[in-house]
Amino acid sequence: MPTKLQGRGESRMPLKVMVDLSSLDVRRPAQEGITENVSARGARVVTNKPWQPNERLNVRSLLGSFRSRARVVYCQALGHGSFAIGLQLVAAAGDWMSRR
């Protein structure tokens, strides 16, 4: 059952899905990440490179049809070269995972 995280207006659902993150700045290479939790308007994704708050990017699920524009809300260093980014999703469509 989804849980409501402190300070959030909506519930987040734990979900691990590989995603492709591509900056709107074409000079920055795309990278992959994995979601930790998702909601209708946001996601927490673990990546191996930091992102800047307010940076805009495209998010695409590698296992489903999900696509969205997003804004980086925060970037938290996790250690061992990993970073957690909080994303605000805009104009999201599709499913995180394919339905069978």
N, C-alpha and C. Protein backbone atom coordinates (compact mmCIF):
# COMPACT_ATOMS: atom_id res chain seq x y z
N MET A 1 0.85 -1.18 0.00
CA MET A 1 0.00 0.00 0.00
C MET A 1 0.89 1.24 0.00
N PRO A 2 0.60 2.23 -0.85
CA PRO A 2 1.41 3.45 -0.87
C PRO A 2 1.40 4.14 0.48
N THR A 3 2.51 4.76 0.80
CA THR A 3 2.60 5.49 2.06
C THR A 3 2.80 6.96 1.77
N LYS A 4 2.34 7.80 2.69
CA LYS A 4 2.51 9.24 2.55
C LYS A 4 3.78 9.64 3.27
N LEU A 5 4.74 10.18 2.51
CA LEU A 5 5.99 10.63 3.11
C LEU A 5 5.79 11.99 3.72
N GLN A 6 6.53 12.25 4.79
CA GLN A 6 6.39 13.51 5.52
C GLN A 6 6.60 14.70 4.59
N GLY A 7 5.68 15.68 4.65
CA GLY A 7 5.80 16.89 3.86
C GLY A 7 5.26 16.78 2.45
N ARG A 8 4.74 15.65 2.08
CA ARG A 8 4.24 15.45 0.73
C ARG A 8 2.72 15.50 0.72
N GLY A 9 2.17 16.01 -0.36
CA GLY A 9 0.72 16.09 -0.51
C GLY A 9 0.13 14.85 -1.13
N GLU A 10 0.97 13.91 -1.54
CA GLU A 10 0.48 12.70 -2.18
C GLU A 10 1.34 11.51 -1.77
N SER A 11 0.84 10.33 -2.02
CA SER A 11 1.54 9.11 -1.64
C SER A 11 2.58 8.73 -2.68
N ARG A 12 3.68 8.20 -2.20
CA ARG A 12 4.72 7.65 -3.07
C ARG A 12 4.64 6.14 -3.00
N MET A 13 4.87 5.49 -4.13
CA MET A 13 4.84 4.04 -4.19
C MET A 13 6.27 3.54 -4.44
N PRO A 14 6.78 2.65 -3.58
CA PRO A 14 8.10 2.09 -3.85
C PRO A 14 8.08 1.35 -5.19
N LEU A 15 9.03 1.66 -6.06
CA LEU A 15 9.08 1.03 -7.38
C LEU A 15 10.49 1.17 -7.93
N LYS A 16 11.10 0.05 -8.30
CA LYS A 16 12.44 0.06 -8.88
C LYS A 16 12.32 -0.22 -10.37
N VAL A 17 12.60 0.82 -11.17
CA VAL A 17 12.52 0.72 -12.63
C VAL A 17 13.72 1.46 -13.22
N MET A 18 14.39 0.86 -14.18
CA MET A 18 15.47 1.54 -14.89
C MET A 18 14.89 2.64 -15.77
N VAL A 19 15.53 3.81 -15.72
CA VAL A 19 15.08 4.95 -16.52
C VAL A 19 16.26 5.57 -17.26
N ASP A 20 15.93 6.22 -18.37
CA ASP A 20 16.89 7.02 -19.13
C ASP A 20 16.63 8.47 -18.79
N LEU A 21 17.67 9.20 -18.41
CA LEU A 21 17.56 10.62 -18.07
C LEU A 21 18.36 11.41 -19.09
N SER A 22 17.68 12.29 -19.82
CA SER A 22 18.38 13.10 -20.82
C SER A 22 18.08 14.57 -20.58
N SER A 23 19.15 15.34 -20.43
CA SER A 23 19.03 16.77 -20.18
C SER A 23 18.51 17.46 -21.42
N LEU A 24 17.82 18.57 -21.24
CA LEU A 24 17.40 19.39 -22.37
C LEU A 24 18.60 20.11 -22.97
N ASP A 25 19.72 20.14 -22.23
CA ASP A 25 20.98 20.68 -22.74
C ASP A 25 21.67 19.55 -23.51
N VAL A 26 21.69 19.64 -24.83
CA VAL A 26 22.21 18.55 -25.66
C VAL A 26 23.69 18.29 -25.45
N ARG A 27 24.41 19.20 -24.81
CA ARG A 27 25.84 18.99 -24.54
C ARG A 27 26.06 18.00 -23.40
N ARG A 28 25.04 17.74 -22.61
CA ARG A 28 25.17 16.81 -21.49
C ARG A 28 24.73 15.42 -21.93
N PRO A 29 25.59 14.40 -21.76
CA PRO A 29 25.20 13.05 -22.18
C PRO A 29 24.07 12.49 -21.32
N ALA A 30 23.25 11.66 -21.94
CA ALA A 30 22.17 10.98 -21.20
C ALA A 30 22.80 9.98 -20.24
N GLN A 31 22.05 9.62 -19.21
CA GLN A 31 22.51 8.60 -18.28
C GLN A 31 21.33 7.79 -17.80
N GLU A 32 21.63 6.62 -17.28
CA GLU A 32 20.59 5.76 -16.73
C GLU A 32 20.54 5.92 -15.22
N GLY A 33 19.37 5.61 -14.67
CA GLY A 33 19.18 5.63 -13.23
C GLY A 33 18.13 4.59 -12.88
N ILE A 34 17.85 4.46 -11.60
CA ILE A 34 16.81 3.54 -11.15
C ILE A 34 15.93 4.26 -10.14
N THR A 35 14.63 4.15 -10.33
CA THR A 35 13.70 4.80 -9.41
C THR A 35 13.72 4.08 -8.06
N GLU A 36 13.48 4.83 -6.99
CA GLU A 36 13.28 4.25 -5.66
C GLU A 36 11.80 4.29 -5.32
N ASN A 37 11.15 5.41 -5.66
CA ASN A 37 9.72 5.55 -5.43
C ASN A 37 9.16 6.54 -6.44
N VAL A 38 7.85 6.41 -6.70
CA VAL A 38 7.21 7.26 -7.71
C VAL A 38 5.82 7.67 -7.22
N SER A 39 5.33 8.75 -7.79
CA SER A 39 3.95 9.18 -7.58
C SER A 39 3.47 9.78 -8.89
N ALA A 40 2.26 10.29 -8.91
CA ALA A 40 1.73 10.88 -10.13
C ALA A 40 2.52 12.13 -10.55
N ARG A 41 3.12 12.81 -9.57
CA ARG A 41 3.80 14.08 -9.88
C ARG A 41 5.27 14.12 -9.53
N GLY A 42 5.84 12.99 -9.12
CA GLY A 42 7.24 13.01 -8.74
C GLY A 42 7.88 11.64 -8.71
N ALA A 43 9.21 11.63 -8.60
CA ALA A 43 9.96 10.39 -8.50
C ALA A 43 11.30 10.68 -7.83
N ARG A 44 11.82 9.67 -7.14
CA ARG A 44 13.18 9.73 -6.59
C ARG A 44 13.98 8.71 -7.39
N VAL A 45 15.09 9.18 -7.98
CA VAL A 45 15.89 8.35 -8.87
C VAL A 45 17.34 8.36 -8.40
N VAL A 46 17.98 7.19 -8.39
CA VAL A 46 19.39 7.09 -8.03
C VAL A 46 20.20 7.03 -9.33
N THR A 47 21.22 7.89 -9.42
CA THR A 47 22.08 7.98 -10.60
C THR A 47 23.54 7.93 -10.16
N ASN A 48 24.45 7.87 -11.13
CA ASN A 48 25.87 7.86 -10.78
C ASN A 48 26.55 9.20 -11.02
N LYS A 49 25.79 10.22 -11.43
CA LYS A 49 26.33 11.56 -11.60
C LYS A 49 25.36 12.57 -11.00
N PRO A 50 25.87 13.68 -10.45
CA PRO A 50 24.98 14.68 -9.86
C PRO A 50 24.23 15.49 -10.92
N TRP A 51 23.06 15.99 -10.55
CA TRP A 51 22.27 16.90 -11.37
C TRP A 51 22.06 18.17 -10.56
N GLN A 52 21.89 19.28 -11.23
CA GLN A 52 21.70 20.57 -10.56
C GLN A 52 20.22 20.81 -10.28
N PRO A 53 19.87 21.33 -9.09
CA PRO A 53 18.48 21.72 -8.84
C PRO A 53 17.99 22.68 -9.92
N ASN A 54 16.75 22.50 -10.31
CA ASN A 54 16.06 23.26 -11.36
C ASN A 54 16.48 22.88 -12.78
N GLU A 55 17.40 21.92 -12.92
CA GLU A 55 17.76 21.45 -14.26
C GLU A 55 16.55 20.72 -14.85
N ARG A 56 16.32 20.91 -16.14
CA ARG A 56 15.19 20.29 -16.84
C ARG A 56 15.70 19.08 -17.62
N LEU A 57 14.90 18.01 -17.63
CA LEU A 57 15.30 16.81 -18.33
C LEU A 57 14.08 16.02 -18.80
N ASN A 58 14.35 15.04 -19.64
CA ASN A 58 13.34 14.09 -20.08
C ASN A 58 13.60 12.77 -19.37
N VAL A 59 12.53 12.11 -18.93
CA VAL A 59 12.62 10.83 -18.24
C VAL A 59 11.88 9.80 -19.09
N ARG A 60 12.52 8.63 -19.29
CA ARG A 60 11.90 7.56 -20.08
C ARG A 60 12.14 6.24 -19.38
N SER A 61 11.07 5.49 -19.12
CA SER A 61 11.19 4.16 -18.53
C SER A 61 11.78 3.21 -19.56
N LEU A 62 12.73 2.38 -19.13
CA LEU A 62 13.31 1.38 -20.03
C LEU A 62 12.50 0.09 -20.04
N LEU A 63 11.52 -0.03 -19.14
CA LEU A 63 10.71 -1.25 -19.05
C LEU A 63 9.26 -1.03 -19.45
N GLY A 64 8.88 0.19 -19.72
CA GLY A 64 7.48 0.48 -20.05
C GLY A 64 7.38 1.63 -21.02
N SER A 65 6.19 2.21 -21.06
CA SER A 65 5.92 3.29 -22.01
C SER A 65 5.98 4.67 -21.36
N PHE A 66 6.39 4.75 -20.09
CA PHE A 66 6.39 6.02 -19.38
C PHE A 66 7.37 7.02 -19.99
N ARG A 67 6.88 8.26 -20.17
CA ARG A 67 7.68 9.39 -20.66
C ARG A 67 7.24 10.64 -19.91
N SER A 68 8.18 11.52 -19.59
CA SER A 68 7.81 12.77 -18.92
C SER A 68 8.92 13.79 -19.04
N ARG A 69 8.55 15.05 -19.05
CA ARG A 69 9.49 16.13 -18.79
C ARG A 69 9.59 16.21 -17.28
N ALA A 70 10.72 16.68 -16.77
CA ALA A 70 10.91 16.75 -15.32
C ALA A 70 11.82 17.91 -14.96
N ARG A 71 11.70 18.32 -13.69
CA ARG A 71 12.57 19.33 -13.10
C ARG A 71 13.23 18.72 -11.88
N VAL A 72 14.54 18.90 -11.76
CA VAL A 72 15.27 18.40 -10.59
C VAL A 72 14.95 19.30 -9.41
N VAL A 73 14.39 18.72 -8.35
CA VAL A 73 14.04 19.46 -7.14
C VAL A 73 15.23 19.46 -6.18
N TYR A 74 15.91 18.32 -6.05
CA TYR A 74 17.08 18.23 -5.18
C TYR A 74 18.03 17.16 -5.72
N CYS A 75 19.28 17.23 -5.29
CA CYS A 75 20.27 16.20 -5.58
C CYS A 75 21.02 15.93 -4.28
N GLN A 76 20.97 14.68 -3.83
CA GLN A 76 21.56 14.29 -2.55
C GLN A 76 22.66 13.27 -2.79
N ALA A 77 23.88 13.55 -2.32
CA ALA A 77 24.99 12.59 -2.43
C ALA A 77 24.72 11.43 -1.49
N LEU A 78 24.83 10.20 -2.01
CA LEU A 78 24.59 9.01 -1.20
C LEU A 78 25.88 8.31 -0.81
N GLY A 79 27.00 8.70 -1.40
CA GLY A 79 28.26 8.02 -1.16
C GLY A 79 28.50 6.97 -2.23
N HIS A 80 29.75 6.51 -2.33
CA HIS A 80 30.14 5.50 -3.32
C HIS A 80 29.78 5.91 -4.74
N GLY A 81 29.81 7.22 -5.04
CA GLY A 81 29.54 7.70 -6.39
C GLY A 81 28.09 7.68 -6.82
N SER A 82 27.18 7.59 -5.87
CA SER A 82 25.74 7.58 -6.19
C SER A 82 25.08 8.85 -5.69
N PHE A 83 24.05 9.27 -6.40
CA PHE A 83 23.29 10.46 -6.06
C PHE A 83 21.80 10.16 -6.20
N ALA A 84 21.00 10.68 -5.27
CA ALA A 84 19.54 10.57 -5.37
C ALA A 84 19.02 11.92 -5.83
N ILE A 85 18.20 11.90 -6.87
CA ILE A 85 17.59 13.14 -7.34
C ILE A 85 16.08 13.05 -7.17
N GLY A 86 15.50 14.14 -6.70
CA GLY A 86 14.06 14.26 -6.60
C GLY A 86 13.57 14.97 -7.84
N LEU A 87 12.62 14.37 -8.53
CA LEU A 87 12.10 14.93 -9.77
C LEU A 87 10.65 15.33 -9.64
N GLN A 88 10.33 16.50 -10.14
CA GLN A 88 8.95 16.94 -10.30
C GLN A 88 8.59 16.62 -11.74
N LEU A 89 7.58 15.76 -11.93
CA LEU A 89 7.19 15.32 -13.27
C LEU A 89 6.17 16.28 -13.86
N VAL A 90 6.33 16.57 -15.15
CA VAL A 90 5.44 17.48 -15.87
C VAL A 90 5.03 16.79 -17.17
N ALA A 91 3.74 16.76 -17.45
CA ALA A 91 3.23 16.16 -18.70
C ALA A 91 3.63 14.69 -18.82
N ALA A 92 3.44 13.93 -17.74
CA ALA A 92 3.78 12.51 -17.74
C ALA A 92 2.71 11.70 -18.47
N ALA A 93 3.15 10.65 -19.16
CA ALA A 93 2.23 9.75 -19.86
C ALA A 93 2.82 8.35 -19.90
N GLY A 94 1.96 7.35 -19.91
CA GLY A 94 2.40 5.96 -20.04
C GLY A 94 2.56 5.27 -18.69
N ASP A 95 3.01 4.02 -18.76
CA ASP A 95 3.19 3.17 -17.59
C ASP A 95 4.68 2.96 -17.32
N TRP A 96 5.05 2.94 -16.03
CA TRP A 96 6.44 2.72 -15.66
C TRP A 96 6.93 1.35 -16.13
N MET A 97 6.06 0.35 -16.04
CA MET A 97 6.41 -1.00 -16.46
C MET A 97 5.37 -1.49 -17.45
N SER A 98 5.80 -2.34 -18.38
CA SER A 98 4.85 -2.87 -19.36
C SER A 98 3.87 -3.80 -18.66
N ARG A 99 2.65 -3.76 -19.13
CA ARG A 99 1.61 -4.64 -18.56
C ARG A 99 1.52 -5.89 -19.41
N ARG A 100 1.41 -7.03 -18.74
CA ARG A 100 1.34 -8.31 -19.46
C ARG A 100 0.01 -8.95 -19.26
